[in-house]
PDB file of all heavy atoms in Angstrom:
ATOM      1  N   THR A   1      -6.793  -3.723   9.024  1.00  0.00           N
ATOM      2  CA  THR A   1      -7.863  -3.379   9.974  1.00  0.00           C
ATOM      3  C   THR A   1      -8.613  -2.119   9.562  1.00  0.00           C
ATOM      4  O   THR A   1      -9.611  -1.762  10.199  1.00  0.00           O
ATOM      5  CB  THR A   1      -7.279  -3.172  11.386  1.00  0.00           C
ATOM      6  OG1 THR A   1      -6.381  -2.051  11.366  1.00  0.00           O
ATOM      7  CG2 THR A   1      -6.532  -4.415  11.854  1.00  0.00           C
ATOM      8  N   ARG A   2      -8.157  -1.442   8.498  1.00  0.00           N
ATOM      9  CA  ARG A   2      -8.790  -0.186   8.075  1.00  0.00           C
ATOM     10  C   ARG A   2      -9.081  -0.195   6.573  1.00  0.00           C
ATOM     11  O   ARG A   2      -8.887   0.791   5.878  1.00  0.00           O
ATOM     12  CB  ARG A   2      -7.885   1.000   8.431  1.00  0.00           C
ATOM     13  CG  ARG A   2      -7.635   1.167   9.925  1.00  0.00           C
ATOM     14  CD  ARG A   2      -6.787   2.392  10.253  1.00  0.00           C
ATOM     15  NE  ARG A   2      -5.439   2.284   9.714  1.00  0.00           N
ATOM     16  CZ  ARG A   2      -4.934   3.073   8.764  1.00  0.00           C
ATOM     17  NH1 ARG A   2      -5.683   4.027   8.224  1.00  0.00           N
ATOM     18  NH2 ARG A   2      -3.698   2.914   8.354  1.00  0.00           N
ATOM     19  N   LEU A   3      -9.560  -1.321   6.086  1.00  0.00           N
ATOM     20  CA  LEU A   3      -9.817  -1.441   4.655  1.00  0.00           C
ATOM     21  C   LEU A   3     -10.968  -0.554   4.198  1.00  0.00           C
ATOM     22  O   LEU A   3     -11.071  -0.237   3.006  1.00  0.00           O
ATOM     23  CB  LEU A   3     -10.114  -2.913   4.300  1.00  0.00           C
ATOM     24  CG  LEU A   3      -8.930  -3.877   4.430  1.00  0.00           C
ATOM     25  CD1 LEU A   3      -9.399  -5.315   4.199  1.00  0.00           C
ATOM     26  CD2 LEU A   3      -7.821  -3.522   3.463  1.00  0.00           C
ATOM     27  N   HIS A   4     -11.815  -0.147   5.126  1.00  0.00           N
ATOM     28  CA  HIS A   4     -12.951   0.702   4.768  1.00  0.00           C
ATOM     29  C   HIS A   4     -12.516   2.131   4.455  1.00  0.00           C
ATOM     30  O   HIS A   4     -13.292   2.907   3.891  1.00  0.00           O
ATOM     31  CB  HIS A   4     -13.975   0.716   5.908  1.00  0.00           C
ATOM     32  CG  HIS A   4     -13.420   1.238   7.197  1.00  0.00           C
ATOM     33  ND1 HIS A   4     -12.570   0.496   7.989  1.00  0.00           N
ATOM     34  CD2 HIS A   4     -13.582   2.434   7.839  1.00  0.00           C
ATOM     35  CE1 HIS A   4     -12.245   1.186   9.064  1.00  0.00           C
ATOM     36  NE2 HIS A   4     -12.843   2.380   8.994  1.00  0.00           N
ATOM     37  N   GLU A   5     -11.293   2.486   4.819  1.00  0.00           N
ATOM     38  CA  GLU A   5     -10.790   3.828   4.582  1.00  0.00           C
ATOM     39  C   GLU A   5     -10.093   3.920   3.232  1.00  0.00           C
ATOM     40  O   GLU A   5      -9.702   2.915   2.640  1.00  0.00           O
ATOM     41  CB  GLU A   5      -9.819   4.235   5.695  1.00  0.00           C
ATOM     42  CG  GLU A   5     -10.422   4.222   7.096  1.00  0.00           C
ATOM     43  CD  GLU A   5      -9.383   4.541   8.159  1.00  0.00           C
ATOM     44  OE1 GLU A   5      -8.248   4.910   7.788  1.00  0.00           O
ATOM     45  OE2 GLU A   5      -9.710   4.418   9.353  1.00  0.00           O
ATOM     46  N   GLY A   6      -9.914   5.155   2.759  1.00  0.00           N
ATOM     47  CA  GLY A   6      -9.120   5.355   1.554  1.00  0.00           C
ATOM     48  C   GLY A   6      -7.644   5.423   1.900  1.00  0.00           C
ATOM     49  O   GLY A   6      -7.269   5.980   2.946  1.00  0.00           O
ATOM     50  N   HIS A   7      -6.791   4.844   1.056  1.00  0.00           N
ATOM     51  CA  HIS A   7      -5.353   4.805   1.343  1.00  0.00           C
ATOM     52  C   HIS A   7      -4.587   5.166   0.077  1.00  0.00           C
ATOM     53  O   HIS A   7      -4.617   4.418  -0.910  1.00  0.00           O
ATOM     54  CB  HIS A   7      -4.939   3.413   1.823  1.00  0.00           C
ATOM     55  CG  HIS A   7      -5.659   2.956   3.058  1.00  0.00           C
ATOM     56  ND1 HIS A   7      -5.366   3.442   4.308  1.00  0.00           N
ATOM     57  CD2 HIS A   7      -6.679   2.064   3.218  1.00  0.00           C
ATOM     58  CE1 HIS A   7      -6.157   2.871   5.205  1.00  0.00           C
ATOM     59  NE2 HIS A   7      -6.962   2.029   4.565  1.00  0.00           N
ATOM     60  N   SER A   8      -3.905   6.277   0.107  1.00  0.00           N
ATOM     61  CA  SER A   8      -3.103   6.701  -1.045  1.00  0.00           C
ATOM     62  C   SER A   8      -1.658   6.281  -0.869  1.00  0.00           C
ATOM     63  O   SER A   8      -1.203   6.007   0.251  1.00  0.00           O
ATOM     64  CB  SER A   8      -3.172   8.222  -1.211  1.00  0.00           C
ATOM     65  OG  SER A   8      -2.500   8.860  -0.132  1.00  0.00           O
ATOM     66  N   VAL A   9      -0.940   6.241  -1.965  1.00  0.00           N
ATOM     67  CA  VAL A   9       0.484   5.918  -1.913  1.00  0.00           C
ATOM     68  C   VAL A   9       1.224   6.942  -1.065  1.00  0.00           C
ATOM     69  O   VAL A   9       2.070   6.590  -0.223  1.00  0.00           O
ATOM     70  CB  VAL A   9       1.076   5.855  -3.340  1.00  0.00           C
ATOM     71  CG1 VAL A   9       2.593   5.699  -3.279  1.00  0.00           C
ATOM     72  CG2 VAL A   9       0.464   4.703  -4.122  1.00  0.00           C
ATOM     73  N   ASP A  10       0.910   8.204  -1.242  1.00  0.00           N
ATOM     74  CA  ASP A  10       1.606   9.254  -0.498  1.00  0.00           C
ATOM     75  C   ASP A  10       1.359   9.132   1.001  1.00  0.00           C
ATOM     76  O   ASP A  10       2.292   9.278   1.811  1.00  0.00           O
ATOM     77  CB  ASP A  10       1.149  10.633  -0.987  1.00  0.00           C
ATOM     78  CG  ASP A  10       1.671  10.948  -2.384  1.00  0.00           C
ATOM     79  OD1 ASP A  10       2.761  10.441  -2.741  1.00  0.00           O
ATOM     80  OD2 ASP A  10       0.986  11.681  -3.120  1.00  0.00           O
ATOM     81  N   ALA A  11       0.114   8.860   1.397  1.00  0.00           N
ATOM     82  CA  ALA A  11      -0.199   8.750   2.822  1.00  0.00           C
ATOM     83  C   ALA A  11       0.503   7.537   3.447  1.00  0.00           C
ATOM     84  O   ALA A  11       1.023   7.614   4.563  1.00  0.00           O
ATOM     85  CB  ALA A  11      -1.713   8.642   3.018  1.00  0.00           C
ATOM     86  N   CYS A  12       0.519   6.424   2.718  1.00  0.00           N
ATOM     87  CA  CYS A  12       1.180   5.214   3.231  1.00  0.00           C
ATOM     88  C   CYS A  12       2.688   5.417   3.309  1.00  0.00           C
ATOM     89  O   CYS A  12       3.346   4.966   4.262  1.00  0.00           O
ATOM     90  CB  CYS A  12       0.846   4.022   2.355  1.00  0.00           C
ATOM     91  SG  CYS A  12      -0.873   3.465   2.486  1.00  0.00           S
ATOM     92  N   ALA A  13       3.260   6.102   2.321  1.00  0.00           N
ATOM     93  CA  ALA A  13       4.694   6.378   2.334  1.00  0.00           C
ATOM     94  C   ALA A  13       5.053   7.242   3.527  1.00  0.00           C
ATOM     95  O   ALA A  13       6.071   7.016   4.206  1.00  0.00           O
ATOM     96  CB  ALA A  13       5.107   7.043   1.030  1.00  0.00           C
ATOM     97  N   ALA A  14       4.225   8.241   3.813  1.00  0.00           N
ATOM     98  CA  ALA A  14       4.479   9.114   4.960  1.00  0.00           C
ATOM     99  C   ALA A  14       4.378   8.345   6.266  1.00  0.00           C
ATOM    100  O   ALA A  14       5.147   8.587   7.207  1.00  0.00           O
ATOM    101  CB  ALA A  14       3.486  10.274   4.947  1.00  0.00           C
ATOM    102  N   GLN A  15       3.459   7.392   6.330  1.00  0.00           N
ATOM    103  CA  GLN A  15       3.264   6.624   7.555  1.00  0.00           C
ATOM    104  C   GLN A  15       4.496   5.800   7.919  1.00  0.00           C
ATOM    105  O   GLN A  15       4.770   5.575   9.098  1.00  0.00           O
ATOM    106  CB  GLN A  15       2.040   5.711   7.403  1.00  0.00           C
ATOM    107  CG  GLN A  15       1.650   4.986   8.682  1.00  0.00           C
ATOM    108  CD  GLN A  15       0.342   4.237   8.536  1.00  0.00           C
ATOM    109  OE1 GLN A  15      -0.493   4.578   7.702  1.00  0.00           O
ATOM    110  NE2 GLN A  15       0.146   3.213   9.366  1.00  0.00           N
ATOM    111  N   VAL A  16       5.243   5.360   6.908  1.00  0.00           N
ATOM    112  CA  VAL A  16       6.457   4.564   7.174  1.00  0.00           C
ATOM    113  C   VAL A  16       7.722   5.380   6.941  1.00  0.00           C
ATOM    114  O   VAL A  16       8.817   4.815   6.860  1.00  0.00           O
ATOM    115  CB  VAL A  16       6.470   3.290   6.305  1.00  0.00           C
ATOM    116  CG1 VAL A  16       5.357   2.345   6.712  1.00  0.00           C
ATOM    117  CG2 VAL A  16       6.351   3.628   4.815  1.00  0.00           C
ATOM    118  N   ALA A  17       7.563   6.691   6.822  1.00  0.00           N
ATOM    119  CA  ALA A  17       8.701   7.612   6.692  1.00  0.00           C
ATOM    120  C   ALA A  17       9.587   7.274   5.501  1.00  0.00           C
ATOM    121  O   ALA A  17      10.809   7.171   5.610  1.00  0.00           O
ATOM    122  CB  ALA A  17       9.516   7.620   7.982  1.00  0.00           C
ATOM    123  N   MET A  18       8.964   7.088   4.340  1.00  0.00           N
ATOM    124  CA  MET A  18       9.690   6.825   3.099  1.00  0.00           C
ATOM    125  C   MET A  18       9.245   7.809   2.037  1.00  0.00           C
ATOM    126  O   MET A  18       8.146   8.366   2.110  1.00  0.00           O
ATOM    127  CB  MET A  18       9.414   5.399   2.587  1.00  0.00           C
ATOM    128  CG  MET A  18       9.904   4.281   3.462  1.00  0.00           C
ATOM    129  SD  MET A  18       9.509   2.665   2.693  1.00  0.00           S
ATOM    130  CE  MET A  18      10.050   1.556   3.993  1.00  0.00           C
ATOM    131  N   SER A  19      10.099   8.007   1.062  1.00  0.00           N
ATOM    132  CA  SER A  19       9.679   8.772  -0.101  1.00  0.00           C
ATOM    133  C   SER A  19       8.704   7.938  -0.914  1.00  0.00           C
ATOM    134  O   SER A  19       8.648   6.714  -0.772  1.00  0.00           O
ATOM    135  CB  SER A  19      10.880   9.144  -0.969  1.00  0.00           C
ATOM    136  OG  SER A  19      11.430   7.978  -1.586  1.00  0.00           O
ATOM    137  N   ARG A  20       7.921   8.598  -1.749  1.00  0.00           N
ATOM    138  CA  ARG A  20       6.957   7.886  -2.582  1.00  0.00           C
ATOM    139  C   ARG A  20       7.662   6.829  -3.428  1.00  0.00           C
ATOM    140  O   ARG A  20       7.199   5.689  -3.547  1.00  0.00           O
ATOM    141  CB  ARG A  20       6.216   8.882  -3.482  1.00  0.00           C
ATOM    142  CG  ARG A  20       5.199   8.232  -4.426  1.00  0.00           C
ATOM    143  CD  ARG A  20       4.628   9.241  -5.400  1.00  0.00           C
ATOM    144  NE  ARG A  20       3.707   8.603  -6.324  1.00  0.00           N
ATOM    145  CZ  ARG A  20       2.393   8.567  -6.172  1.00  0.00           C
ATOM    146  NH1 ARG A  20       1.841   9.160  -5.121  1.00  0.00           N
ATOM    147  NH2 ARG A  20       1.632   7.962  -7.052  1.00  0.00           N
ATOM    148  N   ARG A  21       8.798   7.188  -4.019  1.00  0.00           N
ATOM    149  CA  ARG A  21       9.511   6.276  -4.903  1.00  0.00           C
ATOM    150  C   ARG A  21      10.050   5.067  -4.137  1.00  0.00           C
ATOM    151  O   ARG A  21       9.915   3.932  -4.581  1.00  0.00           O
ATOM    152  CB  ARG A  21      10.652   7.026  -5.591  1.00  0.00           C
ATOM    153  CG  ARG A  21      11.445   6.188  -6.574  1.00  0.00           C
ATOM    154  CD  ARG A  21      12.480   7.030  -7.281  1.00  0.00           C
ATOM    155  NE  ARG A  21      13.260   6.247  -8.221  1.00  0.00           N
ATOM    156  CZ  ARG A  21      14.247   6.748  -8.970  1.00  0.00           C
ATOM    157  NH1 ARG A  21      14.564   8.039  -8.869  1.00  0.00           N
ATOM    158  NH2 ARG A  21      14.908   5.974  -9.804  1.00  0.00           N
ATOM    159  N   THR A  22      10.657   5.333  -2.962  1.00  0.00           N
ATOM    160  CA  THR A  22      11.203   4.233  -2.160  1.00  0.00           C
ATOM    161  C   THR A  22      10.083   3.322  -1.671  1.00  0.00           C
ATOM    162  O   THR A  22      10.201   2.091  -1.700  1.00  0.00           O
ATOM    163  CB  THR A  22      11.984   4.781  -0.963  1.00  0.00           C
ATOM    164  OG1 THR A  22      13.081   5.563  -1.441  1.00  0.00           O
ATOM    165  CG2 THR A  22      12.527   3.651  -0.096  1.00  0.00           C
ATOM    166  N   PHE A  23       8.994   3.939  -1.208  1.00  0.00           N
ATOM    167  CA  PHE A  23       7.868   3.140  -0.721  1.00  0.00           C
ATOM    168  C   PHE A  23       7.320   2.247  -1.822  1.00  0.00           C
ATOM    169  O   PHE A  23       7.070   1.054  -1.595  1.00  0.00           O
ATOM    170  CB  PHE A  23       6.761   4.047  -0.201  1.00  0.00           C
ATOM    171  CG  PHE A  23       5.483   3.316   0.111  1.00  0.00           C
ATOM    172  CD1 PHE A  23       5.355   2.597   1.287  1.00  0.00           C
ATOM    173  CD2 PHE A  23       4.419   3.321  -0.781  1.00  0.00           C
ATOM    174  CE1 PHE A  23       4.185   1.903   1.570  1.00  0.00           C
ATOM    175  CE2 PHE A  23       3.248   2.634  -0.507  1.00  0.00           C
ATOM    176  CZ  PHE A  23       3.128   1.924   0.677  1.00  0.00           C
ATOM    177  N   THR A  24       7.108   2.802  -3.010  1.00  0.00           N
ATOM    178  CA  THR A  24       6.552   2.029  -4.120  1.00  0.00           C
ATOM    179  C   THR A  24       7.436   0.834  -4.446  1.00  0.00           C
ATOM    180  O   THR A  24       6.949  -0.293  -4.641  1.00  0.00           O
ATOM    181  CB  THR A  24       6.392   2.917  -5.361  1.00  0.00           C
ATOM    182  OG1 THR A  24       5.508   4.004  -5.060  1.00  0.00           O
ATOM    183  CG2 THR A  24       5.829   2.120  -6.529  1.00  0.00           C
ATOM    184  N   ARG A  25       8.741   1.061  -4.476  1.00  0.00           N
ATOM    185  CA  ARG A  25       9.667  -0.025  -4.807  1.00  0.00           C
ATOM    186  C   ARG A  25       9.682  -1.097  -3.716  1.00  0.00           C
ATOM    187  O   ARG A  25       9.607  -2.294  -3.992  1.00  0.00           O
ATOM    188  CB  ARG A  25      11.082   0.543  -5.005  1.00  0.00           C
ATOM    189  CG  ARG A  25      12.102  -0.530  -5.430  1.00  0.00           C
ATOM    190  CD  ARG A  25      13.495   0.026  -5.600  1.00  0.00           C
ATOM    191  NE  ARG A  25      14.086   0.419  -4.319  1.00  0.00           N
ATOM    192  CZ  ARG A  25      14.259   1.674  -3.916  1.00  0.00           C
ATOM    193  NH1 ARG A  25      13.865   2.678  -4.679  1.00  0.00           N
ATOM    194  NH2 ARG A  25      14.801   1.944  -2.748  1.00  0.00           N
ATOM    195  N   GLN A  26       9.777  -0.666  -2.450  1.00  0.00           N
ATOM    196  CA  GLN A  26       9.885  -1.643  -1.366  1.00  0.00           C
ATOM    197  C   GLN A  26       8.558  -2.375  -1.129  1.00  0.00           C
ATOM    198  O   GLN A  26       8.551  -3.552  -0.766  1.00  0.00           O
ATOM    199  CB  GLN A  26      10.359  -0.947  -0.088  1.00  0.00           C
ATOM    200  CG  GLN A  26      11.794  -0.445  -0.188  1.00  0.00           C
ATOM    201  CD  GLN A  26      12.440  -0.242   1.166  1.00  0.00           C
ATOM    202  OE1 GLN A  26      11.937  -0.703   2.199  1.00  0.00           O
ATOM    203  NE2 GLN A  26      13.569   0.444   1.174  1.00  0.00           N
ATOM    204  N   PHE A  27       7.432  -1.696  -1.332  1.00  0.00           N
ATOM    205  CA  PHE A  27       6.139  -2.372  -1.190  1.00  0.00           C
ATOM    206  C   PHE A  27       6.010  -3.473  -2.234  1.00  0.00           C
ATOM    207  O   PHE A  27       5.546  -4.580  -1.932  1.00  0.00           O
ATOM    208  CB  PHE A  27       5.001  -1.359  -1.344  1.00  0.00           C
ATOM    209  CG  PHE A  27       3.656  -1.907  -0.941  1.00  0.00           C
ATOM    210  CD1 PHE A  27       3.181  -1.736   0.349  1.00  0.00           C
ATOM    211  CD2 PHE A  27       2.860  -2.603  -1.849  1.00  0.00           C
ATOM    212  CE1 PHE A  27       1.948  -2.237   0.727  1.00  0.00           C
ATOM    213  CE2 PHE A  27       1.633  -3.106  -1.484  1.00  0.00           C
ATOM    214  CZ  PHE A  27       1.172  -2.930  -0.184  1.00  0.00           C
ATOM    215  N   GLN A  28       6.428  -3.198  -3.461  1.00  0.00           N
ATOM    216  CA  GLN A  28       6.385  -4.196  -4.530  1.00  0.00           C
ATOM    217  C   GLN A  28       7.287  -5.386  -4.198  1.00  0.00           C
ATOM    218  O   GLN A  28       6.903  -6.551  -4.381  1.00  0.00           O
ATOM    219  CB  GLN A  28       6.815  -3.564  -5.851  1.00  0.00           C
ATOM    220  CG  GLN A  28       6.825  -4.512  -7.039  1.00  0.00           C
ATOM    221  CD  GLN A  28       5.446  -4.867  -7.535  1.00  0.00           C
ATOM    222  OE1 GLN A  28       4.582  -4.003  -7.604  1.00  0.00           O
ATOM    223  NE2 GLN A  28       5.229  -6.116  -7.887  1.00  0.00           N
ATOM    224  N   GLN A  29       8.479  -5.104  -3.680  1.00  0.00           N
ATOM    225  CA  GLN A  29       9.403  -6.176  -3.317  1.00  0.00           C
ATOM    226  C   GLN A  29       8.856  -7.003  -2.156  1.00  0.00           C
ATOM    227  O   GLN A  29       9.024  -8.227  -2.110  1.00  0.00           O
ATOM    228  CB  GLN A  29      10.768  -5.581  -2.943  1.00  0.00           C
ATOM    229  CG  GLN A  29      11.528  -4.955  -4.099  1.00  0.00           C
ATOM    230  CD  GLN A  29      12.795  -4.253  -3.652  1.00  0.00           C
ATOM    231  OE1 GLN A  29      13.006  -4.018  -2.451  1.00  0.00           O
ATOM    232  NE2 GLN A  29      13.644  -3.910  -4.603  1.00  0.00           N
ATOM    233  N   HIS A  30       8.209  -6.330  -1.207  1.00  0.00           N
ATOM    234  CA  HIS A  30       7.744  -6.995   0.014  1.00  0.00           C
ATOM    235  C   HIS A  30       6.504  -7.837  -0.209  1.00  0.00           C
ATOM    236  O   HIS A  30       6.347  -8.911   0.399  1.00  0.00           O
ATOM    237  CB  HIS A  30       7.457  -5.920   1.067  1.00  0.00           C
ATOM    238  CG  HIS A  30       7.267  -6.459   2.456  1.00  0.00           C
ATOM    239  ND1 HIS A  30       8.164  -7.297   3.062  1.00  0.00           N
ATOM    240  CD2 HIS A  30       6.265  -6.241   3.367  1.00  0.00           C
ATOM    241  CE1 HIS A  30       7.742  -7.592   4.288  1.00  0.00           C
ATOM    242  NE2 HIS A  30       6.591  -6.970   4.488  1.00  0.00           N
ATOM    243  N   THR A  31       5.606  -7.381  -1.079  1.00  0.00           N
ATOM    244  CA  THR A  31       4.322  -8.069  -1.265  1.00  0.00           C
ATOM    245  C   THR A  31       4.153  -8.701  -2.643  1.00  0.00           C
ATOM    246  O   THR A  31       3.267  -9.538  -2.833  1.00  0.00           O
ATOM    247  CB  THR A  31       3.150  -7.095  -1.071  1.00  0.00           C
ATOM    248  OG1 THR A  31       3.163  -6.120  -2.131  1.00  0.00           O
ATOM    249  CG2 THR A  31       3.250  -6.379   0.269  1.00  0.00           C
ATOM    250  N   GLY A  32       4.987  -8.278  -3.607  1.00  0.00           N
ATOM    251  CA  GLY A  32       4.822  -8.757  -4.977  1.00  0.00           C
ATOM    252  C   GLY A  32       3.701  -8.055  -5.715  1.00  0.00           C
ATOM    253  O   GLY A  32       3.328  -8.454  -6.817  1.00  0.00           O
ATOM    254  N   GLN A  33       3.132  -6.994  -5.124  1.00  0.00           N
ATOM    255  CA  GLN A  33       2.007  -6.281  -5.719  1.00  0.00           C
ATOM    256  C   GLN A  33       2.160  -4.777  -5.507  1.00  0.00           C
ATOM    257  O   GLN A  33       2.840  -4.332  -4.573  1.00  0.00           O
ATOM    258  CB  GLN A  33       0.681  -6.713  -5.081  1.00  0.00           C
ATOM    259  CG  GLN A  33       0.313  -8.168  -5.296  1.00  0.00           C
ATOM    260  CD  GLN A  33      -0.940  -8.531  -4.532  1.00  0.00           C
ATOM    261  OE1 GLN A  33      -0.972  -8.481  -3.309  1.00  0.00           O
ATOM    262  NE2 GLN A  33      -1.988  -8.885  -5.247  1.00  0.00           N
ATOM    263  N   ALA A  34       1.503  -3.993  -6.357  1.00  0.00           N
ATOM    264  CA  ALA A  34       1.371  -2.571  -6.118  1.00  0.00           C
ATOM    265  C   ALA A  34       0.355  -2.359  -4.995  1.00  0.00           C
ATOM    266  O   ALA A  34      -0.469  -3.235  -4.703  1.00  0.00           O
ATOM    267  CB  ALA A  34       0.917  -1.858  -7.392  1.00  0.00           C
ATOM    268  N   LEU A  35       0.390  -1.188  -4.363  1.00  0.00           N
ATOM    269  CA  LEU A  35      -0.507  -0.922  -3.241  1.00  0.00           C
ATOM    270  C   LEU A  35      -1.972  -1.110  -3.626  1.00  0.00           C
ATOM    271  O   LEU A  35      -2.743  -1.753  -2.906  1.00  0.00           O
ATOM    272  CB  LEU A  35      -0.286   0.500  -2.717  1.00  0.00           C
ATOM    273  CG  LEU A  35      -1.254   0.967  -1.621  1.00  0.00           C
ATOM    274  CD1 LEU A  35      -1.091   0.119  -0.369  1.00  0.00           C
ATOM    275  CD2 LEU A  35      -1.044   2.454  -1.313  1.00  0.00           C
ATOM    276  N   GLY A  36      -2.382  -0.571  -4.766  1.00  0.00           N
ATOM    277  CA  GLY A  36      -3.772  -0.684  -5.182  1.00  0.00           C
ATOM    278  C   GLY A  36      -4.210  -2.122  -5.377  1.00  0.00           C
ATOM    279  O   GLY A  36      -5.315  -2.512  -4.978  1.00  0.00           O
ATOM    280  N   ASP A  37      -3.346  -2.950  -5.973  1.00  0.00           N
ATOM    281  CA  ASP A  37      -3.674  -4.361  -6.195  1.00  0.00           C
ATOM    282  C   ASP A  37      -3.775  -5.105  -4.868  1.00  0.00           C
ATOM    283  O   ASP A  37      -4.662  -5.949  -4.682  1.00  0.00           O
ATOM    284  CB  ASP A  37      -2.620  -5.013  -7.086  1.00  0.00           C
ATOM    285  CG  ASP A  37      -2.637  -4.465  -8.498  1.00  0.00           C
ATOM    286  OD1 ASP A  37      -3.701  -3.984  -8.927  1.00  0.00           O
ATOM    287  OD2 ASP A  37      -1.587  -4.517  -9.173  1.00  0.00           O
ATOM    288  N   TRP A  38      -2.854  -4.789  -3.949  1.00  0.00           N
ATOM    289  CA  TRP A  38      -2.883  -5.459  -2.640  1.00  0.00           C
ATOM    290  C   TRP A  38      -4.160  -5.107  -1.894  1.00  0.00           C
ATOM    291  O   TRP A  38      -4.815  -5.972  -1.293  1.00  0.00           O
ATOM    292  CB  TRP A  38      -1.658  -5.057  -1.819  1.00  0.00           C
ATOM    293  CG  TRP A  38      -1.540  -5.839  -0.541  1.00  0.00           C
ATOM    294  CD1 TRP A  38      -0.863  -7.005  -0.337  1.00  0.00           C
ATOM    295  CD2 TRP A  38      -2.162  -5.501   0.723  1.00  0.00           C
ATOM    296  NE1 TRP A  38      -1.019  -7.418   0.962  1.00  0.00           N
ATOM    297  CE2 TRP A  38      -1.805  -6.525   1.633  1.00  0.00           C
ATOM    298  CE3 TRP A  38      -2.969  -4.455   1.145  1.00  0.00           C
ATOM    299  CZ2 TRP A  38      -2.230  -6.508   2.956  1.00  0.00           C
ATOM    300  CZ3 TRP A  38      -3.405  -4.447   2.470  1.00  0.00           C
ATOM    301  CH2 TRP A  38      -3.034  -5.472   3.363  1.00  0.00           C
ATOM    302  N   LEU A  39      -4.526  -3.821  -1.904  1.00  0.00           N
ATOM    303  CA  LEU A  39      -5.737  -3.400  -1.215  1.00  0.00           C
ATOM    304  C   LEU A  39      -6.981  -4.068  -1.799  1.00  0.00           C
ATOM    305  O   LEU A  39      -7.870  -4.515  -1.058  1.00  0.00           O
ATOM    306  CB  LEU A  39      -5.877  -1.877  -1.307  1.00  0.00           C
ATOM    307  CG  LEU A  39      -4.972  -1.057  -0.386  1.00  0.00           C
ATOM    308  CD1 LEU A  39      -5.032   0.417  -0.761  1.00  0.00           C
ATOM    309  CD2 LEU A  39      -5.363  -1.252   1.081  1.00  0.00           C
ATOM    310  N   LEU A  40      -7.050  -4.154  -3.129  1.00  0.00           N
ATOM    311  CA  LEU A  40      -8.206  -4.792  -3.755  1.00  0.00           C
ATOM    312  C   LEU A  40      -8.293  -6.257  -3.367  1.00  0.00           C
ATOM    313  O   LEU A  40      -9.378  -6.763  -3.042  1.00  0.00           O
ATOM    314  CB  LEU A  40      -8.123  -4.651  -5.277  1.00  0.00           C
ATOM    315  CG  LEU A  40      -9.262  -5.301  -6.070  1.00  0.00           C
ATOM    316  CD1 LEU A  40     -10.610  -4.713  -5.647  1.00  0.00           C
ATOM    317  CD2 LEU A  40      -9.037  -5.128  -7.571  1.00  0.00           C
ATOM    318  N   HIS A  41      -7.162  -6.948  -3.364  1.00  0.00           N
ATOM    319  CA  HIS A  41      -7.149  -8.364  -2.984  1.00  0.00           C
ATOM    320  C   HIS A  41      -7.603  -8.522  -1.537  1.00  0.00           C
ATOM    321  O   HIS A  41      -8.423  -9.382  -1.213  1.00  0.00           O
ATOM    322  CB  HIS A  41      -5.743  -8.937  -3.183  1.00  0.00           C
ATOM    323  CG  HIS A  41      -5.689 -10.425  -3.119  1.00  0.00           C
ATOM    324  ND1 HIS A  41      -4.996 -11.192  -4.021  1.00  0.00           N
ATOM    325  CD2 HIS A  41      -6.251 -11.316  -2.267  1.00  0.00           C
ATOM    326  CE1 HIS A  41      -5.123 -12.471  -3.728  1.00  0.00           C
ATOM    327  NE2 HIS A  41      -5.878 -12.573  -2.659  1.00  0.00           N
ATOM    328  N   ALA A  42      -7.062  -7.676  -0.636  1.00  0.00           N
ATOM    329  CA  ALA A  42      -7.430  -7.768   0.772  1.00  0.00           C
ATOM    330  C   ALA A  42      -8.911  -7.459   0.979  1.00  0.00           C
ATOM    331  O   ALA A  42      -9.589  -8.103   1.789  1.00  0.00           O
ATOM    332  CB  ALA A  42      -6.564  -6.807   1.583  1.00  0.00           C
ATOM    333  N   ARG A  43      -9.423  -6.472   0.263  1.00  0.00           N
ATOM    334  CA  ARG A  43     -10.836  -6.124   0.387  1.00  0.00           C
ATOM    335  C   ARG A  43     -11.745  -7.242  -0.107  1.00  0.00           C
ATOM    336  O   ARG A  43     -12.763  -7.551   0.511  1.00  0.00           O
ATOM    337  CB  ARG A  43     -11.100  -4.821  -0.370  1.00  0.00           C
ATOM    338  CG  ARG A  43     -10.596  -3.591   0.364  1.00  0.00           C
ATOM    339  CD  ARG A  43     -10.538  -2.359  -0.487  1.00  0.00           C
ATOM    340  NE  ARG A  43     -10.244  -1.183   0.337  1.00  0.00           N
ATOM    341  CZ  ARG A  43      -9.672  -0.072  -0.115  1.00  0.00           C
ATOM    342  NH1 ARG A  43      -9.329   0.026  -1.405  1.00  0.00           N
ATOM    343  NH2 ARG A  43      -9.438   0.936   0.703  1.00  0.00           N
ATOM    344  N   LEU A  44     -11.372  -7.860  -1.211  1.00  0.00           N
ATOM    345  CA  LEU A  44     -12.182  -8.959  -1.736  1.00  0.00           C
ATOM    346  C   LEU A  44     -12.121 -10.167  -0.813  1.00  0.00           C
ATOM    347  O   LEU A  44     -13.102 -10.912  -0.687  1.00  0.00           O
ATOM    348  CB  LEU A  44     -11.708  -9.327  -3.151  1.00  0.00           C
ATOM    349  CG  LEU A  44     -12.043  -8.290  -4.225  1.00  0.00           C
ATOM    350  CD1 LEU A  44     -11.399  -8.678  -5.559  1.00  0.00           C
ATOM    351  CD2 LEU A  44     -13.552  -8.147  -4.393  1.00  0.00           C
ATOM    352  N   GLN A  45     -10.983 -10.367  -0.171  1.00  0.00           N
ATOM    353  CA  GLN A  45     -10.896 -11.464   0.793  1.00  0.00           C
ATOM    354  C   GLN A  45     -11.824 -11.199   1.978  1.00  0.00           C
ATOM    355  O   GLN A  45     -12.490 -12.118   2.475  1.00  0.00           O
ATOM    356  CB  GLN A  45      -9.458 -11.622   1.278  1.00  0.00           C
ATOM    357  CG  GLN A  45      -9.234 -12.855   2.144  1.00  0.00           C
ATOM    358  CD  GLN A  45      -7.781 -13.025   2.509  1.00  0.00           C
ATOM    359  OE1 GLN A  45      -7.100 -12.055   2.845  1.00  0.00           O
ATOM    360  NE2 GLN A  45      -7.284 -14.243   2.457  1.00  0.00           N
ATOM    361  N   GLN A  46     -11.901  -9.935   2.412  1.00  0.00           N
ATOM    362  CA  GLN A  46     -12.813  -9.590   3.497  1.00  0.00           C
ATOM    363  C   GLN A  46     -14.267  -9.721   3.041  1.00  0.00           C
ATOM    364  O   GLN A  46     -15.132 -10.139   3.818  1.00  0.00           O
ATOM    365  CB  GLN A  46     -12.541  -8.172   3.989  1.00  0.00           C
ATOM    366  CG  GLN A  46     -13.301  -7.821   5.272  1.00  0.00           C
ATOM    367  CD  GLN A  46     -12.931  -6.461   5.806  1.00  0.00           C
ATOM    368  OE1 GLN A  46     -13.102  -5.461   5.133  1.00  0.00           O
ATOM    369  NE2 GLN A  46     -12.410  -6.430   7.027  1.00  0.00           N
TER     370      GLN A  46
END
């Protein structure tokens, strides 16, 4: 719902109360993509 905003790995990790390293690993496991790739795909779909 906020694709128009900028989203960094650090900000997203803080939002879910994870370290940068843990967030990066779990995001990849959960979506199969890095945060930047997921955001680009979602933006292009929009």
